[in-house]
Amino acid sequence: MLPDKSRADYFRERRKEVGQFSVSVPREKLDALNKKLKSQGKTKTKWLNEKIDEEISEKE
């Protein structure tokens, strides 16, 4: 395990590179999405990154 100072530094640097995206959705929708993603072998992170890339490329 990292010492507290190193851990704090690690997360401080990580926050410069990685942002958080959090929203509340109805449980039934989330469960359905999780089921679909599991059948596709995708994580929510991978799926969201793909959707963001699609949106960004449509706008350009």
PDB file of N, CA and C in Angstrom:
ATOM      1  N   MET A   1       0.835  -1.187   0.000  1.00  0.00           N
ATOM      2  CA  MET A   1       0.000   0.000   0.000  1.00  0.00           C
ATOM      3  C   MET A   1       0.879   1.250   0.000  1.00  0.00           C
ATOM      4  N   LEU A   2       0.416   2.275  -0.705  1.00  0.00           N
ATOM      5  CA  LEU A   2       1.175   3.518  -0.783  1.00  0.00           C
ATOM      6  C   LEU A   2       1.127   4.282   0.537  1.00  0.00           C
ATOM      7  N   PRO A   3       2.223   4.932   0.899  1.00  0.00           N
ATOM      8  CA  PRO A   3       2.165   5.832   2.058  1.00  0.00           C
ATOM      9  C   PRO A   3       1.141   6.938   1.791  1.00  0.00           C
ATOM     10  N   ASP A   4       0.576   7.513   2.850  1.00  0.00           N
ATOM     11  CA  ASP A   4      -0.477   8.526   2.687  1.00  0.00           C
ATOM     12  C   ASP A   4      -0.054   9.666   1.772  1.00  0.00           C
ATOM     13  N   LYS A   5       1.175  10.143   1.884  1.00  0.00           N
ATOM     14  CA  LYS A   5       1.645  11.255   1.042  1.00  0.00           C
ATOM     15  C   LYS A   5       1.652  10.831  -0.424  1.00  0.00           C
ATOM     16  N   SER A   6       2.192   9.666  -0.708  1.00  0.00           N
ATOM     17  CA  SER A   6       2.246   9.182  -2.087  1.00  0.00           C
ATOM     18  C   SER A   6       0.843   8.960  -2.642  1.00  0.00           C
ATOM     19  N   ARG A   7      -0.032   8.448  -1.812  1.00  0.00           N
ATOM     20  CA  ARG A   7      -1.412   8.202  -2.229  1.00  0.00           C
ATOM     21  C   ARG A   7      -2.102   9.512  -2.575  1.00  0.00           C
ATOM     22  N   ALA A   8      -1.931  10.517  -1.745  1.00  0.00           N
ATOM     23  CA  ALA A   8      -2.530  11.830  -2.003  1.00  0.00           C
ATOM     24  C   ALA A   8      -1.975  12.420  -3.290  1.00  0.00           C
ATOM     25  N   ASP A   9      -0.674  12.311  -3.483  1.00  0.00           N
ATOM     26  CA  ASP A   9      -0.053  12.833  -4.709  1.00  0.00           C
ATOM     27  C   ASP A   9      -0.568  12.097  -5.941  1.00  0.00           C
ATOM     28  N   TYR A  10      -0.685  10.769  -5.815  1.00  0.00           N
ATOM     29  CA  TYR A  10      -1.180   9.965  -6.926  1.00  0.00           C
ATOM     30  C   TYR A  10      -2.572  10.432  -7.350  1.00  0.00           C
ATOM     31  N   PHE A  11      -3.474  10.568  -6.383  1.00  0.00           N
ATOM     32  CA  PHE A  11      -4.843  10.950  -6.720  1.00  0.00           C
ATOM     33  C   PHE A  11      -4.931  12.401  -7.179  1.00  0.00           C
ATOM     34  N   ARG A  12      -4.098  13.265  -6.654  1.00  0.00           N
ATOM     35  CA  ARG A  12      -4.057  14.656  -7.117  1.00  0.00           C
ATOM     36  C   ARG A  12      -3.680  14.694  -8.607  1.00  0.00           C
ATOM     37  N   GLU A  13      -2.672  13.926  -8.990  1.00  0.00           N
ATOM     38  CA  GLU A  13      -2.259  13.875 -10.395  1.00  0.00           C
ATOM     39  C   GLU A  13      -3.319  13.189 -11.248  1.00  0.00           C
ATOM     40  N   ARG A  14      -3.928  12.154 -10.723  1.00  0.00           N
ATOM     41  CA  ARG A  14      -4.967  11.426 -11.468  1.00  0.00           C
ATOM     42  C   ARG A  14      -6.149  12.342 -11.788  1.00  0.00           C
ATOM     43  N   ARG A  15      -6.535  13.177 -10.827  1.00  0.00           N
ATOM     44  CA  ARG A  15      -7.661  14.087 -11.057  1.00  0.00           C
ATOM     45  C   ARG A  15      -7.357  15.114 -12.142  1.00  0.00           C
ATOM     46  N   LYS A  16      -6.083  15.379 -12.403  1.00  0.00           N
ATOM     47  CA  LYS A  16      -5.715  16.299 -13.488  1.00  0.00           C
ATOM     48  C   LYS A  16      -5.971  15.656 -14.855  1.00  0.00           C
ATOM     49  N   GLU A  17      -5.915  14.337 -14.910  1.00  0.00           N
ATOM     50  CA  GLU A  17      -6.041  13.605 -16.172  1.00  0.00           C
ATOM     51  C   GLU A  17      -7.398  12.946 -16.375  1.00  0.00           C
ATOM     52  N   VAL A  18      -8.071  12.569 -15.289  1.00  0.00           N
ATOM     53  CA  VAL A  18      -9.304  11.793 -15.375  1.00  0.00           C
ATOM     54  C   VAL A  18     -10.411  12.524 -14.632  1.00  0.00           C
ATOM     55  N   GLY A  19     -11.547  12.721 -15.312  1.00  0.00           N
ATOM     56  CA  GLY A  19     -12.692  13.362 -14.677  1.00  0.00           C
ATOM     57  C   GLY A  19     -13.757  12.341 -14.327  1.00  0.00           C
ATOM     58  N   GLN A  20     -14.679  12.745 -13.488  1.00  0.00           N
ATOM     59  CA  GLN A  20     -15.785  11.879 -13.077  1.00  0.00           C
ATOM     60  C   GLN A  20     -17.059  12.324 -13.779  1.00  0.00           C
ATOM     61  N   PHE A  21     -17.901  11.372 -14.132  1.00  0.00           N
ATOM     62  CA  PHE A  21     -19.200  11.642 -14.743  1.00  0.00           C
ATOM     63  C   PHE A  21     -20.202  10.758 -14.028  1.00  0.00           C
ATOM     64  N   SER A  22     -21.066  11.361 -13.251  1.00  0.00           N
ATOM     65  CA  SER A  22     -21.991  10.573 -12.439  1.00  0.00           C
ATOM     66  C   SER A  22     -23.395  11.149 -12.562  1.00  0.00           C
ATOM     67  N   VAL A  23     -24.347  10.287 -12.871  1.00  0.00           N
ATOM     68  CA  VAL A  23     -25.749  10.696 -12.972  1.00  0.00           C
ATOM     69  C   VAL A  23     -26.628   9.635 -12.332  1.00  0.00           C
ATOM     70  N   SER A  24     -27.799  10.065 -11.907  1.00  0.00           N
ATOM     71  CA  SER A  24     -28.776   9.119 -11.366  1.00  0.00           C
ATOM     72  C   SER A  24     -29.766   8.752 -12.463  1.00  0.00           C
ATOM     73  N   VAL A  25     -30.050   7.467 -12.580  1.00  0.00           N
ATOM     74  CA  VAL A  25     -31.031   6.983 -13.551  1.00  0.00           C
ATOM     75  C   VAL A  25     -31.927   5.975 -12.839  1.00  0.00           C
ATOM     76  N   PRO A  26     -33.132   5.762 -13.371  1.00  0.00           N
ATOM     77  CA  PRO A  26     -34.003   4.755 -12.751  1.00  0.00           C
ATOM     78  C   PRO A  26     -33.315   3.387 -12.712  1.00  0.00           C
ATOM     79  N   ARG A  27     -33.506   2.685 -11.620  1.00  0.00           N
ATOM     80  CA  ARG A  27     -32.851   1.388 -11.406  1.00  0.00           C
ATOM     81  C   ARG A  27     -33.138   0.417 -12.549  1.00  0.00           C
ATOM     82  N   GLU A  28     -34.378   0.395 -13.047  1.00  0.00           N
ATOM     83  CA  GLU A  28     -34.698  -0.566 -14.108  1.00  0.00           C
ATOM     84  C   GLU A  28     -33.904  -0.285 -15.382  1.00  0.00           C
ATOM     85  N   LYS A  29     -33.690   0.984 -15.689  1.00  0.00           N
ATOM     86  CA  LYS A  29     -32.869   1.313 -16.863  1.00  0.00           C
ATOM     87  C   LYS A  29     -31.424   0.897 -16.648  1.00  0.00           C
ATOM     88  N   LEU A  30     -30.908   1.164 -15.457  1.00  0.00           N
ATOM     89  CA  LEU A  30     -29.522   0.801 -15.157  1.00  0.00           C
ATOM     90  C   LEU A  30     -29.343  -0.709 -15.212  1.00  0.00           C
ATOM     91  N   ASP A  31     -30.288  -1.443 -14.649  1.00  0.00           N
ATOM     92  CA  ASP A  31     -30.209  -2.903 -14.691  1.00  0.00           C
ATOM     93  C   ASP A  31     -30.242  -3.426 -16.123  1.00  0.00           C
ATOM     94  N   ALA A  32     -31.103  -2.841 -16.951  1.00  0.00           N
ATOM     95  CA  ALA A  32     -31.195  -3.259 -18.359  1.00  0.00           C
ATOM     96  C   ALA A  32     -29.897  -2.946 -19.095  1.00  0.00           C
ATOM     97  N   LEU A  33     -29.325  -1.768 -18.822  1.00  0.00           N
ATOM     98  CA  LEU A  33     -28.052  -1.412 -19.461  1.00  0.00           C
ATOM     99  C   LEU A  33     -26.950  -2.365 -19.020  1.00  0.00           C
ATOM    100  N   ASN A  34     -26.877  -2.625 -17.724  1.00  0.00           N
ATOM    101  CA  ASN A  34     -25.849  -3.544 -17.218  1.00  0.00           C
ATOM    102  C   ASN A  34     -25.976  -4.921 -17.863  1.00  0.00           C
ATOM    103  N   LYS A  35     -27.206  -5.394 -18.015  1.00  0.00           N
ATOM    104  CA  LYS A  35     -27.436  -6.708 -18.638  1.00  0.00           C
ATOM    105  C   LYS A  35     -26.958  -6.711 -20.089  1.00  0.00           C
ATOM    106  N   LYS A  36     -27.304  -5.653 -20.818  1.00  0.00           N
ATOM    107  CA  LYS A  36     -26.900  -5.573 -22.227  1.00  0.00           C
ATOM    108  C   LYS A  36     -25.381  -5.486 -22.365  1.00  0.00           C
ATOM    109  N   LEU A  37     -24.759  -4.654 -21.525  1.00  0.00           N
ATOM    110  CA  LEU A  37     -23.313  -4.508 -21.594  1.00  0.00           C
ATOM    111  C   LEU A  37     -22.607  -5.805 -21.227  1.00  0.00           C
ATOM    112  N   LYS A  38     -23.145  -6.520 -20.246  1.00  0.00           N
ATOM    113  CA  LYS A  38     -22.543  -7.799 -19.853  1.00  0.00           C
ATOM    114  C   LYS A  38     -22.588  -8.786 -21.017  1.00  0.00           C
ATOM    115  N   SER A  39     -23.709  -8.798 -21.752  1.00  0.00           N
ATOM    116  CA  SER A  39     -23.824  -9.720 -22.887  1.00  0.00           C
ATOM    117  C   SER A  39     -22.866  -9.342 -24.014  1.00  0.00           C
ATOM    118  N   GLN A  40     -22.514  -8.051 -24.073  1.00  0.00           N
ATOM    119  CA  GLN A  40     -21.576  -7.575 -25.088  1.00  0.00           C
ATOM    120  C   GLN A  40     -20.128  -7.632 -24.611  1.00  0.00           C
ATOM    121  N   GLY A  41     -19.936  -7.951 -23.342  1.00  0.00           N
ATOM    122  CA  GLY A  41     -18.587  -8.012 -22.783  1.00  0.00           C
ATOM    123  C   GLY A  41     -17.948  -6.646 -22.615  1.00  0.00           C
ATOM    124  N   LYS A  42     -18.767  -5.622 -22.373  1.00  0.00           N
ATOM    125  CA  LYS A  42     -18.257  -4.256 -22.220  1.00  0.00           C
ATOM    126  C   LYS A  42     -18.461  -3.778 -20.791  1.00  0.00           C
ATOM    127  N   THR A  43     -17.578  -2.893 -20.374  1.00  0.00           N
ATOM    128  CA  THR A  43     -17.760  -2.226 -19.088  1.00  0.00           C
ATOM    129  C   THR A  43     -18.537  -0.936 -19.331  1.00  0.00           C
ATOM    130  N   LYS A  44     -19.088  -0.371 -18.264  1.00  0.00           N
ATOM    131  CA  LYS A  44     -19.791   0.911 -18.403  1.00  0.00           C
ATOM    132  C   LYS A  44     -18.823   1.994 -18.864  1.00  0.00           C
ATOM    133  N   THR A  45     -17.590   1.938 -18.378  1.00  0.00           N
ATOM    134  CA  THR A  45     -16.588   2.930 -18.773  1.00  0.00           C
ATOM    135  C   THR A  45     -16.302   2.836 -20.270  1.00  0.00           C
ATOM    136  N   LYS A  46     -16.083   1.624 -20.764  1.00  0.00           N
ATOM    137  CA  LYS A  46     -15.806   1.443 -22.194  1.00  0.00           C
ATOM    138  C   LYS A  46     -16.994   1.914 -23.023  1.00  0.00           C
ATOM    139  N   TRP A  47     -18.195   1.541 -22.621  1.00  0.00           N
ATOM    140  CA  TRP A  47     -19.407   1.927 -23.343  1.00  0.00           C
ATOM    141  C   TRP A  47     -19.569   3.447 -23.368  1.00  0.00           C
ATOM    142  N   LEU A  48     -19.391   4.086 -22.210  1.00  0.00           N
ATOM    143  CA  LEU A  48     -19.551   5.537 -22.150  1.00  0.00           C
ATOM    144  C   LEU A  48     -18.494   6.239 -23.001  1.00  0.00           C
ATOM    145  N   ASN A  49     -17.275   5.766 -22.960  1.00  0.00           N
ATOM    146  CA  ASN A  49     -16.231   6.367 -23.801  1.00  0.00           C
ATOM    147  C   ASN A  49     -16.587   6.253 -25.278  1.00  0.00           C
ATOM    148  N   GLU A  50     -17.144   5.126 -25.697  1.00  0.00           N
ATOM    149  CA  GLU A  50     -17.572   4.958 -27.088  1.00  0.00           C
ATOM    150  C   GLU A  50     -18.674   5.959 -27.430  1.00  0.00           C
ATOM    151  N   LYS A  51     -19.649   6.116 -26.545  1.00  0.00           N
ATOM    152  CA  LYS A  51     -20.755   7.052 -26.792  1.00  0.00           C
ATOM    153  C   LYS A  51     -20.254   8.491 -26.843  1.00  0.00           C
ATOM    154  N   ILE A  52     -19.339   8.841 -25.960  1.00  0.00           N
ATOM    155  CA  ILE A  52     -18.768  10.196 -25.978  1.00  0.00           C
ATOM    156  C   ILE A  52     -18.018  10.428 -27.279  1.00  0.00           C
ATOM    157  N   ASP A  53     -17.224   9.452 -27.708  1.00  0.00           N
ATOM    158  CA  ASP A  53     -16.501   9.575 -28.980  1.00  0.00           C
ATOM    159  C   ASP A  53     -17.468   9.756 -30.143  1.00  0.00           C
ATOM    160  N   GLU A  54     -18.593   9.019 -30.136  1.00  0.00           N
ATOM    161  CA  GLU A  54     -19.601   9.172 -31.195  1.00  0.00           C
ATOM    162  C   GLU A  54     -20.157  10.597 -31.204  1.00  0.00           C
ATOM    163  N   GLU A  55     -20.505  11.100 -30.049  1.00  0.00           N
ATOM    164  CA  GLU A  55     -21.073  12.460 -29.947  1.00  0.00           C
ATOM    165  C   GLU A  55     -20.065  13.511 -30.405  1.00  0.00           C
ATOM    166  N   ILE A  56     -18.826  13.356 -29.997  1.00  0.00           N
ATOM    167  CA  ILE A  56     -17.806  14.321 -30.369  1.00  0.00           C
ATOM    168  C   ILE A  56     -17.573  14.307 -31.877  1.00  0.00           C
ATOM    169  N   SER A  57     -17.519  13.114 -32.470  1.00  0.00           N
ATOM    170  CA  SER A  57     -17.260  13.020 -33.910  1.00  0.00           C
ATOM    171  C   SER A  57     -18.444  13.529 -34.720  1.00  0.00           C
ATOM    172  N   GLU A  58     -19.666  13.412 -34.223  1.00  0.00           N
ATOM    173  CA  GLU A  58     -20.850  13.936 -34.928  1.00  0.00           C
ATOM    174  C   GLU A  58     -20.831  15.452 -34.980  1.00  0.00           C
ATOM    175  N   LYS A  59     -20.297  16.076 -33.955  1.00  0.00           N
ATOM    176  CA  LYS A  59     -20.304  17.529 -33.836  1.00  0.00           C
ATOM    177  C   LYS A  59     -19.257  18.188 -34.721  1.00  0.00           C
ATOM    178  N   GLU A  60     -18.223  17.458 -35.084  1.00  0.00           N
ATOM    179  CA  GLU A  60     -17.112  18.039 -35.853  1.00  0.00           C
ATOM    180  C   GLU A  60     -17.400  18.095 -37.329  1.00  0.00           C
TER     181      GLU A  60
END
